[in-house]
Amino acid sequence: SSGINAEYGGFWPVFDDSMGEQELTGKVDLEIEILTGEDAEEKPAGQGRNSPNQYPTLEPPNRPMTSFNFLFNPLKIFKILIWDKLKWKILTGFIILLIVALLALFIYTSPQAINNAIYNSIGK
């Protein structure tokens, strides 16, 4: 580890020229580390079928639980993306909607109930 090492990195453009002209299709975040021969022998990078995740060691990706299984369990997606953040607003809205529906039902049926009460009391 006595040599001069250099690290270069950044986003590198990826182009598709299959249609005759170049079209930007994405960017790759790439980091290159240039080592001396001595340092390269100390830090072998995935020879054969060995894992290349040694120098530098990359952490496992931090993916949400929904990253690959959203087609299999849409209720889990609803819970994670919507329910956890808006639970109380949804419950409050549902309760208000229930109260309004019961009030509307009461107003709709009360004239007939009043009419029946009046005529039943007169007929006795």
N, C-alpha and C. Protein backbone atom coordinates (compact mmCIF):
# COMPACT_ATOMS: atom_id res chain seq x y z
N SER A 1 0.83 -1.19 0.00
CA SER A 1 0.00 0.00 0.00
C SER A 1 0.88 1.25 0.00
N SER A 2 1.92 1.20 -0.80
CA SER A 2 2.84 2.32 -0.84
C SER A 2 2.69 3.16 -2.10
N GLY A 3 1.89 2.70 -3.05
CA GLY A 3 1.77 3.42 -4.33
C GLY A 3 0.72 4.50 -4.29
N ILE A 4 0.58 5.14 -5.41
CA ILE A 4 -0.41 6.19 -5.55
C ILE A 4 -1.67 5.57 -6.15
N ASN A 5 -2.78 5.73 -5.45
CA ASN A 5 -4.05 5.20 -5.92
C ASN A 5 -4.95 6.36 -6.34
N ALA A 6 -5.80 6.11 -7.29
CA ALA A 6 -6.71 7.15 -7.75
C ALA A 6 -8.11 6.56 -7.88
N GLU A 7 -9.09 7.35 -7.53
CA GLU A 7 -10.48 6.95 -7.68
C GLU A 7 -11.19 7.95 -8.56
N TYR A 8 -11.91 7.43 -9.52
CA TYR A 8 -12.70 8.26 -10.41
C TYR A 8 -14.13 7.73 -10.37
N GLY A 9 -15.07 8.62 -10.40
CA GLY A 9 -16.46 8.16 -10.37
C GLY A 9 -17.39 9.22 -10.91
N GLY A 10 -18.57 8.77 -11.18
CA GLY A 10 -19.59 9.68 -11.66
C GLY A 10 -20.64 8.92 -12.45
N PHE A 11 -21.54 9.68 -13.04
CA PHE A 11 -22.59 9.09 -13.85
C PHE A 11 -22.14 9.10 -15.31
N TRP A 12 -22.17 7.94 -15.93
CA TRP A 12 -21.73 7.78 -17.31
C TRP A 12 -22.97 7.53 -18.17
N PRO A 13 -23.10 8.27 -19.28
CA PRO A 13 -24.29 8.10 -20.11
C PRO A 13 -24.27 6.77 -20.87
N VAL A 14 -25.46 6.22 -21.09
CA VAL A 14 -25.62 5.00 -21.88
C VAL A 14 -26.51 5.36 -23.05
N PHE A 15 -26.03 5.07 -24.26
CA PHE A 15 -26.75 5.43 -25.47
C PHE A 15 -27.19 4.19 -26.22
N ASP A 16 -28.29 4.34 -26.97
CA ASP A 16 -28.78 3.30 -27.87
C ASP A 16 -28.73 3.89 -29.27
N ASP A 17 -27.98 3.24 -30.14
CA ASP A 17 -27.91 3.74 -31.52
C ASP A 17 -28.44 2.70 -32.51
N SER A 18 -29.35 1.86 -32.06
CA SER A 18 -29.88 0.81 -32.93
C SER A 18 -30.82 1.38 -34.00
N MET A 19 -31.37 2.56 -33.80
CA MET A 19 -32.29 3.17 -34.77
C MET A 19 -31.58 4.14 -35.71
N GLY A 20 -30.27 4.20 -35.67
CA GLY A 20 -29.53 5.06 -36.58
C GLY A 20 -29.00 6.33 -35.94
N GLU A 21 -29.60 6.79 -34.87
CA GLU A 21 -29.08 7.96 -34.17
C GLU A 21 -29.03 7.66 -32.68
N GLN A 22 -28.14 8.35 -32.00
CA GLN A 22 -27.94 8.07 -30.59
C GLN A 22 -29.09 8.63 -29.75
N GLU A 23 -29.57 7.78 -28.83
CA GLU A 23 -30.62 8.19 -27.91
C GLU A 23 -30.16 7.83 -26.51
N LEU A 24 -30.20 8.81 -25.61
CA LEU A 24 -29.81 8.58 -24.23
C LEU A 24 -30.84 7.66 -23.57
N THR A 25 -30.41 6.48 -23.12
CA THR A 25 -31.35 5.53 -22.52
C THR A 25 -31.16 5.40 -21.02
N GLY A 26 -30.14 6.00 -20.47
CA GLY A 26 -29.95 5.94 -19.03
C GLY A 26 -28.56 6.39 -18.65
N LYS A 27 -28.28 6.30 -17.37
CA LYS A 27 -26.97 6.65 -16.85
C LYS A 27 -26.54 5.58 -15.85
N VAL A 28 -25.25 5.32 -15.80
CA VAL A 28 -24.70 4.32 -14.90
C VAL A 28 -23.82 5.04 -13.89
N ASP A 29 -24.05 4.77 -12.61
CA ASP A 29 -23.19 5.32 -11.57
C ASP A 29 -21.99 4.39 -11.45
N LEU A 30 -20.83 4.87 -11.85
CA LEU A 30 -19.66 4.02 -11.94
C LEU A 30 -18.51 4.64 -11.16
N GLU A 31 -17.80 3.81 -10.42
CA GLU A 31 -16.62 4.25 -9.69
C GLU A 31 -15.47 3.34 -10.08
N ILE A 32 -14.38 3.94 -10.49
CA ILE A 32 -13.20 3.19 -10.91
C ILE A 32 -12.06 3.53 -9.95
N GLU A 33 -11.38 2.49 -9.47
CA GLU A 33 -10.23 2.68 -8.59
C GLU A 33 -9.00 2.14 -9.30
N ILE A 34 -8.03 3.00 -9.50
CA ILE A 34 -6.78 2.61 -10.16
C ILE A 34 -5.75 2.34 -9.08
N LEU A 35 -5.18 1.14 -9.10
CA LEU A 35 -4.24 0.71 -8.08
C LEU A 35 -2.87 0.42 -8.68
N THR A 36 -1.88 0.43 -7.83
CA THR A 36 -0.56 -0.04 -8.25
C THR A 36 -0.59 -1.56 -8.29
N GLY A 37 0.41 -2.16 -8.89
CA GLY A 37 0.47 -3.62 -8.98
C GLY A 37 0.48 -4.28 -7.62
N GLU A 38 1.22 -3.69 -6.68
CA GLU A 38 1.30 -4.25 -5.32
C GLU A 38 -0.05 -4.21 -4.62
N ASP A 39 -0.75 -3.07 -4.74
CA ASP A 39 -2.07 -2.95 -4.13
C ASP A 39 -3.08 -3.87 -4.81
N ALA A 40 -2.96 -4.05 -6.11
CA ALA A 40 -3.88 -4.93 -6.83
C ALA A 40 -3.71 -6.37 -6.39
N GLU A 41 -2.49 -6.78 -6.07
CA GLU A 41 -2.28 -8.14 -5.58
C GLU A 41 -2.83 -8.32 -4.17
N GLU A 42 -2.79 -7.25 -3.36
CA GLU A 42 -3.34 -7.31 -2.00
C GLU A 42 -4.86 -7.37 -2.02
N LYS A 43 -5.47 -6.73 -2.99
CA LYS A 43 -6.93 -6.63 -3.07
C LYS A 43 -7.43 -7.28 -4.35
N PRO A 44 -7.45 -8.61 -4.43
CA PRO A 44 -7.96 -9.24 -5.64
C PRO A 44 -9.46 -9.01 -5.75
N ALA A 45 -9.92 -8.75 -6.95
CA ALA A 45 -11.34 -8.42 -7.14
C ALA A 45 -12.04 -9.53 -7.92
N GLY A 46 -12.58 -10.51 -7.21
CA GLY A 46 -13.44 -11.52 -7.78
C GLY A 46 -12.83 -12.34 -8.90
N GLN A 47 -11.81 -13.07 -8.63
CA GLN A 47 -11.22 -13.91 -9.66
C GLN A 47 -12.02 -15.20 -9.79
N GLY A 48 -12.25 -15.63 -11.01
CA GLY A 48 -13.03 -16.84 -11.24
C GLY A 48 -14.46 -16.63 -10.78
N ARG A 49 -14.89 -17.50 -9.88
CA ARG A 49 -16.27 -17.38 -9.38
C ARG A 49 -16.30 -16.78 -7.98
N ASN A 50 -15.23 -16.21 -7.53
CA ASN A 50 -15.22 -15.55 -6.22
C ASN A 50 -16.09 -14.29 -6.27
N SER A 51 -16.57 -13.91 -5.15
CA SER A 51 -17.42 -12.73 -5.07
C SER A 51 -16.61 -11.46 -5.32
N PRO A 52 -17.09 -10.58 -6.20
CA PRO A 52 -16.37 -9.33 -6.46
C PRO A 52 -16.67 -8.26 -5.40
N ASN A 53 -17.49 -8.57 -4.43
CA ASN A 53 -17.93 -7.59 -3.45
C ASN A 53 -16.95 -7.53 -2.27
N GLN A 54 -15.68 -7.30 -2.54
CA GLN A 54 -14.70 -7.21 -1.47
C GLN A 54 -14.05 -5.84 -1.40
N TYR A 55 -13.62 -5.32 -2.51
CA TYR A 55 -12.92 -4.03 -2.52
C TYR A 55 -13.52 -3.15 -3.59
N PRO A 56 -14.34 -2.23 -3.31
CA PRO A 56 -14.92 -1.89 -2.02
C PRO A 56 -16.09 -2.83 -1.70
N THR A 57 -16.37 -3.00 -0.43
CA THR A 57 -17.50 -3.81 -0.02
C THR A 57 -18.76 -2.98 -0.11
N LEU A 58 -19.73 -3.50 -0.83
CA LEU A 58 -20.99 -2.79 -1.00
C LEU A 58 -22.02 -3.35 -0.03
N GLU A 59 -22.77 -2.47 0.58
CA GLU A 59 -23.85 -2.90 1.47
C GLU A 59 -24.97 -3.50 0.62
N PRO A 60 -25.74 -4.42 1.17
CA PRO A 60 -26.90 -4.93 0.43
C PRO A 60 -27.87 -3.80 0.14
N PRO A 61 -28.58 -3.86 -0.97
CA PRO A 61 -29.49 -2.77 -1.30
C PRO A 61 -30.61 -2.64 -0.27
N ASN A 62 -30.96 -1.42 0.03
CA ASN A 62 -32.03 -1.13 1.00
C ASN A 62 -33.31 -0.92 0.20
N ARG A 63 -34.02 -2.02 -0.06
CA ARG A 63 -35.24 -1.94 -0.85
C ARG A 63 -36.45 -2.01 0.08
N PRO A 64 -37.52 -1.31 -0.28
CA PRO A 64 -38.74 -1.46 0.51
C PRO A 64 -39.31 -2.86 0.33
N MET A 65 -40.17 -3.27 1.25
CA MET A 65 -40.74 -4.62 1.19
C MET A 65 -41.57 -4.82 -0.06
N THR A 66 -41.98 -3.75 -0.72
CA THR A 66 -42.87 -3.86 -1.87
C THR A 66 -42.14 -3.85 -3.20
N SER A 67 -40.82 -3.88 -3.20
CA SER A 67 -40.11 -3.64 -4.44
C SER A 67 -40.35 -4.69 -5.51
N PHE A 68 -40.58 -5.95 -5.17
CA PHE A 68 -40.74 -6.96 -6.19
C PHE A 68 -42.05 -7.73 -6.11
N ASN A 69 -42.79 -7.63 -5.05
CA ASN A 69 -43.97 -8.48 -4.92
C ASN A 69 -45.28 -7.70 -4.96
N PHE A 70 -45.32 -6.55 -5.64
CA PHE A 70 -46.53 -5.77 -5.63
C PHE A 70 -47.67 -6.43 -6.40
N LEU A 71 -47.35 -7.27 -7.37
CA LEU A 71 -48.41 -7.95 -8.11
C LEU A 71 -49.03 -9.09 -7.30
N PHE A 72 -48.27 -9.62 -6.37
CA PHE A 72 -48.74 -10.76 -5.61
C PHE A 72 -49.59 -10.37 -4.40
N ASN A 73 -49.36 -9.18 -3.87
CA ASN A 73 -50.08 -8.80 -2.67
C ASN A 73 -50.42 -7.31 -2.69
N PRO A 74 -51.46 -6.91 -3.43
CA PRO A 74 -51.78 -5.48 -3.51
C PRO A 74 -52.25 -4.88 -2.19
N LEU A 75 -52.82 -5.70 -1.29
CA LEU A 75 -53.24 -5.15 0.00
C LEU A 75 -52.04 -4.75 0.86
N LYS A 76 -50.94 -5.47 0.72
CA LYS A 76 -49.72 -5.10 1.44
C LYS A 76 -49.20 -3.76 0.93
N ILE A 77 -49.28 -3.55 -0.38
CA ILE A 77 -48.88 -2.26 -0.97
C ILE A 77 -49.76 -1.15 -0.40
N PHE A 78 -51.09 -1.40 -0.36
CA PHE A 78 -52.00 -0.40 0.18
C PHE A 78 -51.65 -0.07 1.62
N LYS A 79 -51.34 -1.09 2.41
CA LYS A 79 -51.00 -0.87 3.81
C LYS A 79 -49.73 -0.05 3.95
N ILE A 80 -48.71 -0.39 3.20
CA ILE A 80 -47.42 0.28 3.35
C ILE A 80 -47.46 1.70 2.79
N LEU A 81 -48.03 1.87 1.59
CA LEU A 81 -47.98 3.17 0.93
C LEU A 81 -49.06 4.14 1.38
N ILE A 82 -50.24 3.62 1.72
CA ILE A 82 -51.36 4.52 2.01
C ILE A 82 -51.80 4.43 3.47
N TRP A 83 -52.08 3.24 3.95
CA TRP A 83 -52.69 3.07 5.27
C TRP A 83 -51.82 3.61 6.39
N ASP A 84 -50.51 3.29 6.37
CA ASP A 84 -49.63 3.73 7.46
C ASP A 84 -49.57 5.25 7.58
N LYS A 85 -49.67 5.95 6.46
CA LYS A 85 -49.56 7.41 6.49
C LYS A 85 -50.91 8.09 6.70
N LEU A 86 -51.99 7.51 6.16
CA LEU A 86 -53.28 8.20 6.15
C LEU A 86 -54.35 7.45 6.95
N LYS A 87 -53.94 6.60 7.87
CA LYS A 87 -54.89 5.75 8.61
C LYS A 87 -55.97 6.58 9.29
N TRP A 88 -55.59 7.59 10.03
CA TRP A 88 -56.57 8.35 10.80
C TRP A 88 -57.46 9.20 9.92
N LYS A 89 -56.94 9.71 8.83
CA LYS A 89 -57.77 10.48 7.90
C LYS A 89 -58.79 9.58 7.23
N ILE A 90 -58.39 8.37 6.86
CA ILE A 90 -59.31 7.42 6.23
C ILE A 90 -60.40 7.02 7.23
N LEU A 91 -60.02 6.69 8.45
CA LEU A 91 -61.00 6.30 9.47
C LEU A 91 -61.96 7.46 9.79
N THR A 92 -61.44 8.67 9.91
CA THR A 92 -62.28 9.83 10.18
C THR A 92 -63.26 10.06 9.03
N GLY A 93 -62.77 9.96 7.81
CA GLY A 93 -63.65 10.12 6.65
C GLY A 93 -64.73 9.06 6.60
N PHE A 94 -64.38 7.82 6.93
CA PHE A 94 -65.35 6.74 6.94
C PHE A 94 -66.42 6.96 8.00
N ILE A 95 -66.02 7.40 9.19
CA ILE A 95 -66.98 7.67 10.26
C ILE A 95 -67.90 8.83 9.89
N ILE A 96 -67.34 9.88 9.29
CA ILE A 96 -68.17 11.01 8.87
C ILE A 96 -69.15 10.57 7.79
N LEU A 97 -68.69 9.76 6.86
CA LEU A 97 -69.56 9.24 5.80
C LEU A 97 -70.68 8.37 6.38
N LEU A 98 -70.35 7.57 7.37
CA LEU A 98 -71.35 6.73 8.03
C LEU A 98 -72.40 7.58 8.75
N ILE A 99 -71.97 8.62 9.46
CA ILE A 99 -72.89 9.51 10.17
C ILE A 99 -73.80 10.24 9.18
N VAL A 100 -73.23 10.73 8.07
CA VAL A 100 -74.03 11.42 7.06
C VAL A 100 -75.05 10.47 6.45
N ALA A 101 -74.64 9.23 6.17
CA ALA A 101 -75.57 8.24 5.60
C ALA A 101 -76.70 7.94 6.57
N LEU A 102 -76.41 7.77 7.85
CA LEU A 102 -77.46 7.51 8.84
C LEU A 102 -78.38 8.72 9.00
N LEU A 103 -77.83 9.92 8.97
CA LEU A 103 -78.64 11.13 9.06
C LEU A 103 -79.55 11.26 7.84
N ALA A 104 -79.03 10.98 6.66
CA ALA A 104 -79.84 11.04 5.44
C ALA A 104 -80.95 9.99 5.49
N LEU A 105 -80.65 8.81 5.98
CA LEU A 105 -81.66 7.77 6.11
C LEU A 105 -82.74 8.18 7.12
N PHE A 106 -82.36 8.80 8.19
CA PHE A 106 -83.32 9.29 9.19
C PHE A 106 -84.23 10.35 8.59
N ILE A 107 -83.64 11.30 7.86
CA ILE A 107 -84.44 12.37 7.25
C ILE A 107 -85.36 11.80 6.17
N TYR A 108 -84.92 10.81 5.44
CA TYR A 108 -85.72 10.20 4.39
C TYR A 108 -86.91 9.43 4.95
N THR A 109 -86.72 8.75 6.08
CA THR A 109 -87.80 7.91 6.61
C THR A 109 -88.64 8.61 7.67
N SER A 110 -88.21 9.73 8.20
CA SER A 110 -88.95 10.38 9.29
C SER A 110 -90.33 10.90 8.87
N PRO A 111 -90.55 11.46 7.68
CA PRO A 111 -91.93 11.90 7.36
C PRO A 111 -92.93 10.75 7.41
N GLN A 112 -92.57 9.61 6.90
CA GLN A 112 -93.48 8.47 6.93
C GLN A 112 -93.71 8.00 8.37
N ALA A 113 -92.68 7.99 9.18
CA ALA A 113 -92.83 7.57 10.58
C ALA A 113 -93.71 8.55 11.34
N ILE A 114 -93.55 9.85 11.10
CA ILE A 114 -94.38 10.87 11.77
C ILE A 114 -95.83 10.73 11.31
N ASN A 115 -96.00 10.52 10.01
CA ASN A 115 -97.34 10.36 9.46
C ASN A 115 -98.02 9.13 10.07
N ASN A 116 -97.33 8.03 10.17
CA ASN A 116 -97.88 6.82 10.77
C ASN A 116 -98.22 7.05 12.25
N ALA A 117 -97.40 7.76 12.96
CA ALA A 117 -97.65 8.02 14.38
C ALA A 117 -98.88 8.88 14.57
N ILE A 118 -99.08 9.89 13.69
CA ILE A 118 -100.23 10.77 13.81
C ILE A 118 -101.52 10.01 13.51
N TYR A 119 -101.53 9.28 12.40
CA TYR A 119 -102.75 8.57 12.03
C TYR A 119 -103.08 7.40 12.95
N ASN A 120 -102.06 6.76 13.50
CA ASN A 120 -102.31 5.66 14.43
C ASN A 120 -102.86 6.18 15.75
N SER A 121 -102.45 7.39 16.17
CA SER A 121 -102.96 7.93 17.41
C SER A 121 -104.38 8.46 17.25
N ILE A 122 -104.74 8.94 16.07
CA ILE A 122 -106.09 9.44 15.82
C ILE A 122 -107.08 8.28 15.73
N GLY A 123 -106.66 7.19 15.16
CA GLY A 123 -107.54 6.05 14.95
C GLY A 123 -107.86 5.31 16.25
N LYS A 124 -107.19 5.55 17.32
CA LYS A 124 -107.44 4.81 18.58
C LYS A 124 -108.56 5.39 19.35
